[in-house]
């Protein structure tokens, strides 16, 4: 069994994985909505279990109120599992071929049409910034 201090250290090392509480609330509401239930039934032939999103949402709120990192443990484990599934799916993807090095010509200039488009966006940004500066100075 993992000691309390080791478990807390693991939790604290992975707190970057924890998203804002509103995200877990939205995930739960989305998962349990009528539209989502219809979609889940169509795609999977059954309703998905949304309880984990609810638990994460409530644990996140408890953590914000108490500051106790024990409430983050379940959220972090769930996020680790989601991340592992996402990385596994990417690794098992046979459609794309992963590069070991960048293309040899990756530093070549953009084609003329893209360069023109890029300069138009840059000009718009400069004008936008100038307009905001003049508004804030008034």
N, C-alpha and C. Protein backbone atom coordinates (compact mmCIF):
# COMPACT_ATOMS: atom_id res chain seq x y z
N UNK A 1 0.84 -1.18 0.00
CA UNK A 1 0.00 0.00 0.00
C UNK A 1 0.89 1.25 0.00
N UNK A 2 0.52 2.25 -0.76
CA UNK A 2 1.30 3.47 -0.90
C UNK A 2 1.11 4.34 0.35
N UNK A 3 2.22 4.85 0.87
CA UNK A 3 2.10 5.70 2.05
C UNK A 3 1.39 7.00 1.68
N UNK A 4 0.89 7.66 2.72
CA UNK A 4 0.12 8.90 2.51
C UNK A 4 0.97 9.97 1.86
N UNK A 5 2.22 10.12 2.29
CA UNK A 5 3.08 11.17 1.74
C UNK A 5 3.44 10.89 0.29
N UNK A 6 3.67 9.61 -0.05
CA UNK A 6 3.96 9.26 -1.45
C UNK A 6 2.75 9.52 -2.33
N UNK A 7 1.57 9.17 -1.83
CA UNK A 7 0.34 9.39 -2.60
C UNK A 7 0.12 10.88 -2.81
N UNK A 8 0.38 11.68 -1.78
CA UNK A 8 0.21 13.13 -1.91
C UNK A 8 1.21 13.69 -2.91
N UNK A 9 2.46 13.17 -2.89
CA UNK A 9 3.48 13.65 -3.82
C UNK A 9 3.08 13.33 -5.26
N UNK A 10 2.56 12.12 -5.49
CA UNK A 10 2.09 11.75 -6.83
C UNK A 10 1.01 12.71 -7.26
N UNK A 11 0.07 12.99 -6.35
CA UNK A 11 -1.01 13.91 -6.68
C UNK A 11 -0.47 15.28 -7.02
N UNK A 12 0.44 15.77 -6.22
CA UNK A 12 0.97 17.10 -6.43
C UNK A 12 1.82 17.18 -7.69
N UNK A 13 2.48 16.10 -8.05
CA UNK A 13 3.28 16.09 -9.27
C UNK A 13 2.42 16.15 -10.52
N UNK A 14 1.18 15.76 -10.42
CA UNK A 14 0.31 15.69 -11.60
C UNK A 14 -0.85 16.68 -11.55
N UNK A 15 -0.75 17.69 -10.72
CA UNK A 15 -1.85 18.66 -10.63
C UNK A 15 -2.03 19.44 -11.91
N UNK A 16 -1.03 19.46 -12.76
CA UNK A 16 -1.18 20.15 -14.06
C UNK A 16 -2.26 19.50 -14.91
N UNK A 17 -2.59 18.26 -14.60
CA UNK A 17 -3.61 17.55 -15.38
C UNK A 17 -5.03 17.99 -15.02
N UNK A 18 -5.20 18.57 -13.85
CA UNK A 18 -6.52 18.95 -13.36
C UNK A 18 -6.98 20.21 -14.08
N UNK A 19 -8.17 20.12 -14.64
CA UNK A 19 -8.75 21.25 -15.37
C UNK A 19 -9.67 22.04 -14.44
N UNK A 20 -10.11 23.23 -14.85
CA UNK A 20 -11.04 23.99 -14.01
C UNK A 20 -12.32 23.20 -13.73
N UNK A 21 -12.90 23.41 -12.57
CA UNK A 21 -14.09 22.68 -12.16
C UNK A 21 -15.24 22.83 -13.16
N UNK A 22 -15.33 23.98 -13.77
CA UNK A 22 -16.41 24.20 -14.74
C UNK A 22 -16.31 23.26 -15.93
N UNK A 23 -15.10 22.83 -16.25
CA UNK A 23 -14.93 21.88 -17.36
C UNK A 23 -15.55 20.54 -17.00
N UNK A 24 -15.32 20.07 -15.77
CA UNK A 24 -15.90 18.80 -15.34
C UNK A 24 -17.43 18.90 -15.26
N UNK A 25 -17.91 20.06 -14.82
CA UNK A 25 -19.36 20.27 -14.77
C UNK A 25 -19.95 20.21 -16.18
N UNK A 26 -19.31 20.89 -17.13
CA UNK A 26 -19.79 20.89 -18.51
C UNK A 26 -19.71 19.48 -19.12
N UNK A 27 -18.63 18.76 -18.83
CA UNK A 27 -18.50 17.38 -19.33
C UNK A 27 -19.65 16.52 -18.80
N UNK A 28 -19.96 16.68 -17.53
CA UNK A 28 -21.06 15.91 -16.94
C UNK A 28 -22.39 16.27 -17.58
N UNK A 29 -22.65 17.57 -17.69
CA UNK A 29 -23.92 18.01 -18.28
C UNK A 29 -24.05 17.56 -19.73
N UNK A 30 -22.96 17.65 -20.46
CA UNK A 30 -22.96 17.21 -21.86
C UNK A 30 -23.20 15.71 -21.95
N UNK A 31 -22.50 14.96 -21.11
CA UNK A 31 -22.62 13.49 -21.13
C UNK A 31 -24.04 13.03 -20.79
N UNK A 32 -24.68 13.74 -19.85
CA UNK A 32 -25.99 13.28 -19.38
C UNK A 32 -27.16 13.98 -20.05
N UNK A 33 -26.90 14.83 -21.02
CA UNK A 33 -28.00 15.53 -21.70
C UNK A 33 -28.79 14.56 -22.59
N UNK A 34 -29.99 14.94 -22.92
CA UNK A 34 -30.86 14.11 -23.76
C UNK A 34 -30.21 13.89 -25.13
N UNK A 35 -29.65 14.95 -25.69
CA UNK A 35 -28.99 14.84 -26.99
C UNK A 35 -27.83 13.87 -26.94
N UNK A 36 -27.02 13.98 -25.88
CA UNK A 36 -25.88 13.08 -25.74
C UNK A 36 -26.33 11.64 -25.55
N UNK A 37 -27.38 11.45 -24.77
CA UNK A 37 -27.89 10.09 -24.55
C UNK A 37 -28.37 9.47 -25.87
N UNK A 38 -29.03 10.26 -26.68
CA UNK A 38 -29.47 9.78 -27.98
C UNK A 38 -28.26 9.39 -28.83
N UNK A 39 -27.26 10.26 -28.85
CA UNK A 39 -26.05 10.01 -29.62
C UNK A 39 -25.31 8.76 -29.11
N UNK A 40 -25.19 8.64 -27.78
CA UNK A 40 -24.52 7.48 -27.19
C UNK A 40 -25.23 6.19 -27.57
N UNK A 41 -26.55 6.22 -27.51
CA UNK A 41 -27.32 5.03 -27.87
C UNK A 41 -27.13 4.68 -29.34
N UNK A 42 -27.06 5.70 -30.17
CA UNK A 42 -26.88 5.47 -31.61
C UNK A 42 -25.49 4.91 -31.90
N UNK A 43 -24.46 5.49 -31.29
CA UNK A 43 -23.08 5.10 -31.58
C UNK A 43 -22.68 3.82 -30.87
N UNK A 44 -22.98 3.72 -29.58
CA UNK A 44 -22.51 2.59 -28.77
C UNK A 44 -23.57 1.54 -28.49
N UNK A 45 -24.83 1.87 -28.77
CA UNK A 45 -25.91 0.94 -28.49
C UNK A 45 -26.31 0.94 -27.02
N UNK A 46 -25.80 1.87 -26.25
CA UNK A 46 -26.11 1.98 -24.82
C UNK A 46 -25.76 3.38 -24.34
N UNK A 47 -26.26 3.71 -23.14
CA UNK A 47 -25.89 4.97 -22.52
C UNK A 47 -24.53 4.80 -21.85
N UNK A 48 -23.70 5.83 -21.94
CA UNK A 48 -22.40 5.80 -21.27
C UNK A 48 -22.57 6.21 -19.82
N UNK A 49 -21.66 5.76 -18.97
CA UNK A 49 -21.68 6.10 -17.56
C UNK A 49 -21.07 7.49 -17.37
N UNK A 50 -21.85 8.41 -16.90
CA UNK A 50 -21.41 9.80 -16.70
C UNK A 50 -21.01 10.08 -15.26
N UNK A 51 -21.08 9.07 -14.41
CA UNK A 51 -20.83 9.26 -12.99
C UNK A 51 -19.41 9.78 -12.71
N UNK A 52 -18.43 9.36 -13.49
CA UNK A 52 -17.06 9.79 -13.25
C UNK A 52 -16.92 11.30 -13.43
N UNK A 53 -17.60 11.86 -14.45
CA UNK A 53 -17.57 13.30 -14.64
C UNK A 53 -18.19 14.02 -13.45
N UNK A 54 -19.28 13.47 -12.94
CA UNK A 54 -19.94 14.06 -11.77
C UNK A 54 -19.01 14.01 -10.55
N UNK A 55 -18.40 12.85 -10.34
CA UNK A 55 -17.47 12.69 -9.21
C UNK A 55 -16.29 13.67 -9.32
N UNK A 56 -15.75 13.81 -10.52
CA UNK A 56 -14.63 14.74 -10.72
C UNK A 56 -15.05 16.18 -10.45
N UNK A 57 -16.22 16.54 -10.90
CA UNK A 57 -16.75 17.88 -10.69
C UNK A 57 -16.87 18.17 -9.20
N UNK A 58 -17.50 17.25 -8.47
CA UNK A 58 -17.71 17.45 -7.04
C UNK A 58 -16.38 17.41 -6.28
N UNK A 59 -15.47 16.54 -6.67
CA UNK A 59 -14.15 16.47 -6.02
C UNK A 59 -13.38 17.76 -6.25
N UNK A 60 -13.49 18.30 -7.43
CA UNK A 60 -12.83 19.56 -7.75
C UNK A 60 -13.36 20.68 -6.87
N UNK A 61 -14.67 20.73 -6.71
CA UNK A 61 -15.27 21.75 -5.85
C UNK A 61 -14.85 21.58 -4.40
N UNK A 62 -14.77 20.32 -3.95
CA UNK A 62 -14.33 20.06 -2.57
C UNK A 62 -12.88 20.51 -2.39
N UNK A 63 -12.06 20.27 -3.41
CA UNK A 63 -10.67 20.70 -3.32
C UNK A 63 -10.57 22.22 -3.22
N UNK A 64 -11.37 22.93 -4.02
CA UNK A 64 -11.34 24.39 -3.98
C UNK A 64 -11.78 24.92 -2.61
N UNK A 65 -12.75 24.25 -1.98
CA UNK A 65 -13.23 24.71 -0.68
C UNK A 65 -12.25 24.37 0.44
N UNK A 66 -11.68 23.16 0.38
CA UNK A 66 -10.85 22.70 1.51
C UNK A 66 -9.35 22.86 1.27
N UNK A 67 -8.92 22.81 0.00
CA UNK A 67 -7.50 22.86 -0.29
C UNK A 67 -6.79 21.54 -0.04
N UNK A 68 -7.57 20.50 0.30
CA UNK A 68 -7.00 19.19 0.61
C UNK A 68 -6.73 18.43 -0.69
N UNK A 69 -5.47 18.05 -0.91
CA UNK A 69 -5.09 17.42 -2.18
C UNK A 69 -5.64 16.01 -2.33
N UNK A 70 -6.20 15.42 -1.25
CA UNK A 70 -6.77 14.07 -1.38
C UNK A 70 -7.93 14.07 -2.37
N UNK A 71 -8.59 15.23 -2.53
CA UNK A 71 -9.72 15.32 -3.46
C UNK A 71 -9.25 15.30 -4.92
N UNK A 72 -7.97 15.59 -5.14
CA UNK A 72 -7.45 15.60 -6.51
C UNK A 72 -7.08 14.21 -7.01
N UNK A 73 -6.87 13.27 -6.12
CA UNK A 73 -6.39 11.94 -6.50
C UNK A 73 -7.27 11.27 -7.54
N UNK A 74 -8.59 11.25 -7.31
CA UNK A 74 -9.51 10.62 -8.26
C UNK A 74 -9.53 11.33 -9.60
N UNK A 75 -9.49 12.65 -9.56
CA UNK A 75 -9.48 13.43 -10.79
C UNK A 75 -8.23 13.12 -11.59
N UNK A 76 -7.09 13.10 -10.92
CA UNK A 76 -5.82 12.85 -11.60
C UNK A 76 -5.79 11.45 -12.21
N UNK A 77 -6.30 10.46 -11.48
CA UNK A 77 -6.35 9.10 -12.02
C UNK A 77 -7.23 9.04 -13.27
N UNK A 78 -8.36 9.73 -13.23
CA UNK A 78 -9.25 9.77 -14.38
C UNK A 78 -8.56 10.45 -15.56
N UNK A 79 -7.89 11.57 -15.31
CA UNK A 79 -7.19 12.29 -16.37
C UNK A 79 -6.04 11.45 -16.94
N UNK A 80 -5.35 10.72 -16.08
CA UNK A 80 -4.27 9.83 -16.56
C UNK A 80 -4.84 8.77 -17.50
N UNK A 81 -5.97 8.19 -17.12
CA UNK A 81 -6.60 7.18 -17.96
C UNK A 81 -7.04 7.75 -19.30
N UNK A 82 -7.65 8.94 -19.27
CA UNK A 82 -8.08 9.59 -20.52
C UNK A 82 -6.87 9.87 -21.40
N UNK A 83 -5.81 10.37 -20.79
CA UNK A 83 -4.59 10.69 -21.55
C UNK A 83 -3.98 9.42 -22.16
N UNK A 84 -3.94 8.35 -21.38
CA UNK A 84 -3.38 7.09 -21.87
C UNK A 84 -4.18 6.55 -23.05
N UNK A 85 -5.52 6.62 -22.95
CA UNK A 85 -6.36 6.15 -24.07
C UNK A 85 -6.14 7.00 -25.32
N UNK A 86 -6.02 8.31 -25.12
CA UNK A 86 -5.82 9.22 -26.25
C UNK A 86 -4.46 8.96 -26.91
N UNK A 87 -3.42 8.77 -26.10
CA UNK A 87 -2.08 8.51 -26.65
C UNK A 87 -2.00 7.14 -27.31
N UNK A 88 -2.70 6.17 -26.73
CA UNK A 88 -2.74 4.83 -27.31
C UNK A 88 -3.40 4.87 -28.69
N UNK A 89 -4.50 5.61 -28.78
CA UNK A 89 -5.19 5.72 -30.06
C UNK A 89 -4.29 6.39 -31.09
N UNK A 90 -3.55 7.40 -30.68
CA UNK A 90 -2.64 8.08 -31.60
C UNK A 90 -1.51 7.17 -32.02
N UNK A 91 -0.98 6.39 -31.08
CA UNK A 91 0.14 5.50 -31.38
C UNK A 91 -0.29 4.35 -32.29
N UNK A 92 -1.54 3.91 -32.14
CA UNK A 92 -2.03 2.79 -32.96
C UNK A 92 -2.60 3.25 -34.29
N UNK A 93 -2.56 4.53 -34.56
CA UNK A 93 -3.07 5.07 -35.81
C UNK A 93 -2.15 4.66 -36.96
N UNK A 94 -2.70 3.96 -37.92
CA UNK A 94 -1.89 3.50 -39.05
C UNK A 94 -2.07 4.37 -40.29
N UNK A 95 -2.85 5.43 -40.17
CA UNK A 95 -3.10 6.30 -41.31
C UNK A 95 -1.94 7.26 -41.51
N UNK A 96 -1.45 7.84 -40.40
CA UNK A 96 -0.39 8.83 -40.48
C UNK A 96 0.96 8.19 -40.18
N UNK A 97 1.95 8.65 -40.88
CA UNK A 97 3.31 8.18 -40.65
C UNK A 97 4.03 9.25 -39.84
N UNK A 98 4.55 8.86 -38.68
CA UNK A 98 5.24 9.81 -37.83
C UNK A 98 6.63 10.11 -38.39
N UNK A 99 7.03 11.35 -38.29
CA UNK A 99 8.36 11.77 -38.74
C UNK A 99 9.37 11.60 -37.62
N UNK A 100 10.60 11.27 -38.01
CA UNK A 100 11.68 11.27 -37.02
C UNK A 100 12.46 12.58 -37.12
N UNK A 101 12.38 13.25 -38.26
CA UNK A 101 13.05 14.52 -38.49
C UNK A 101 12.12 15.44 -39.28
N UNK A 102 12.34 16.76 -39.17
CA UNK A 102 11.51 17.65 -39.99
C UNK A 102 11.85 17.51 -41.47
N UNK A 103 10.96 17.92 -42.37
CA UNK A 103 11.28 17.87 -43.80
C UNK A 103 12.51 18.71 -44.10
N UNK A 104 13.26 18.33 -45.11
CA UNK A 104 14.50 19.05 -45.43
C UNK A 104 14.23 20.48 -45.88
N UNK A 105 13.08 20.72 -46.48
CA UNK A 105 12.78 22.07 -46.99
C UNK A 105 11.81 22.84 -46.10
N UNK A 106 11.78 22.56 -44.83
CA UNK A 106 10.80 23.19 -43.95
C UNK A 106 11.05 24.69 -43.75
N UNK A 107 12.23 25.17 -44.09
CA UNK A 107 12.53 26.60 -43.92
C UNK A 107 12.37 27.40 -45.21
N UNK A 108 11.91 26.76 -46.26
CA UNK A 108 11.78 27.49 -47.53
C UNK A 108 10.68 28.56 -47.40
N UNK A 109 10.75 29.61 -48.20
CA UNK A 109 9.74 30.68 -48.14
C UNK A 109 8.35 30.17 -48.52
N UNK A 110 7.35 30.85 -48.00
CA UNK A 110 5.98 30.51 -48.34
C UNK A 110 5.70 30.84 -49.81
N UNK A 111 4.76 30.13 -50.44
CA UNK A 111 4.34 30.51 -51.79
C UNK A 111 3.75 31.92 -51.77
N UNK A 112 3.75 32.57 -52.91
CA UNK A 112 3.31 33.96 -53.00
C UNK A 112 1.90 34.18 -52.45
N UNK A 113 0.94 33.29 -52.78
CA UNK A 113 -0.43 33.49 -52.32
C UNK A 113 -0.53 33.41 -50.79
N UNK A 114 0.21 32.51 -50.18
CA UNK A 114 0.18 32.41 -48.73
C UNK A 114 0.91 33.58 -48.07
N UNK A 115 1.98 34.03 -48.67
CA UNK A 115 2.71 35.17 -48.14
C UNK A 115 1.82 36.43 -48.16
N UNK A 116 1.08 36.59 -49.26
CA UNK A 116 0.16 37.73 -49.38
C UNK A 116 -0.93 37.65 -48.30
N UNK A 117 -1.49 36.46 -48.13
CA UNK A 117 -2.52 36.25 -47.12
C UNK A 117 -1.97 36.54 -45.72
N UNK A 118 -0.75 36.08 -45.47
CA UNK A 118 -0.11 36.31 -44.18
C UNK A 118 0.09 37.80 -43.93
N UNK A 119 0.53 38.51 -44.96
CA UNK A 119 0.77 39.94 -44.79
C UNK A 119 -0.54 40.69 -44.56
N UNK A 120 -1.63 40.26 -45.20
CA UNK A 120 -2.93 40.91 -44.98
C UNK A 120 -3.37 40.74 -43.53
N UNK A 121 -3.18 39.53 -42.99
CA UNK A 121 -3.54 39.29 -41.59
C UNK A 121 -2.66 40.12 -40.67
N UNK A 122 -1.39 40.23 -40.98
CA UNK A 122 -0.48 41.02 -40.16
C UNK A 122 -0.89 42.49 -40.20
N UNK A 123 -1.26 42.99 -41.39
CA UNK A 123 -1.69 44.38 -41.51
C UNK A 123 -2.95 44.63 -40.68
N UNK A 124 -3.90 43.69 -40.72
CA UNK A 124 -5.13 43.84 -39.94
C UNK A 124 -4.81 43.87 -38.45
N UNK A 125 -3.90 43.03 -38.04
CA UNK A 125 -3.53 42.98 -36.63
C UNK A 125 -2.90 44.30 -36.19
N UNK A 126 -2.02 44.85 -37.01
CA UNK A 126 -1.37 46.13 -36.68
C UNK A 126 -2.42 47.23 -36.58
N UNK A 127 -3.36 47.27 -37.52
CA UNK A 127 -4.42 48.27 -37.47
C UNK A 127 -5.29 48.10 -36.22
N UNK A 128 -5.59 46.88 -35.88
CA UNK A 128 -6.39 46.58 -34.69
C UNK A 128 -5.67 47.06 -33.44
N UNK A 129 -4.38 46.77 -33.35
CA UNK A 129 -3.59 47.20 -32.19
C UNK A 129 -3.53 48.72 -32.10
N UNK A 130 -3.34 49.38 -33.23
CA UNK A 130 -3.29 50.85 -33.24
C UNK A 130 -4.63 51.44 -32.79
N UNK A 131 -5.72 50.86 -33.24
CA UNK A 131 -7.05 51.35 -32.87
C UNK A 131 -7.27 51.18 -31.37
N UNK A 132 -6.84 50.06 -30.82
CA UNK A 132 -7.02 49.81 -29.39
C UNK A 132 -6.16 50.77 -28.56
N UNK A 133 -4.96 51.08 -29.04
CA UNK A 133 -4.09 52.01 -28.32
C UNK A 133 -4.70 53.40 -28.30
N UNK A 134 -5.26 53.80 -29.44
CA UNK A 134 -5.85 55.14 -29.50
C UNK A 134 -7.10 55.23 -28.63
N UNK A 135 -7.88 54.15 -28.54
CA UNK A 135 -9.07 54.13 -27.67
C UNK A 135 -8.68 54.21 -26.21
N UNK A 136 -7.64 53.46 -25.84
CA UNK A 136 -7.25 53.42 -24.43
C UNK A 136 -6.58 54.73 -23.99
N UNK A 137 -5.98 55.47 -24.93
CA UNK A 137 -5.32 56.73 -24.57
C UNK A 137 -6.32 57.89 -24.47
N UNK A 138 -7.55 57.68 -24.95
CA UNK A 138 -8.54 58.76 -24.92
C UNK A 138 -9.20 58.89 -23.58
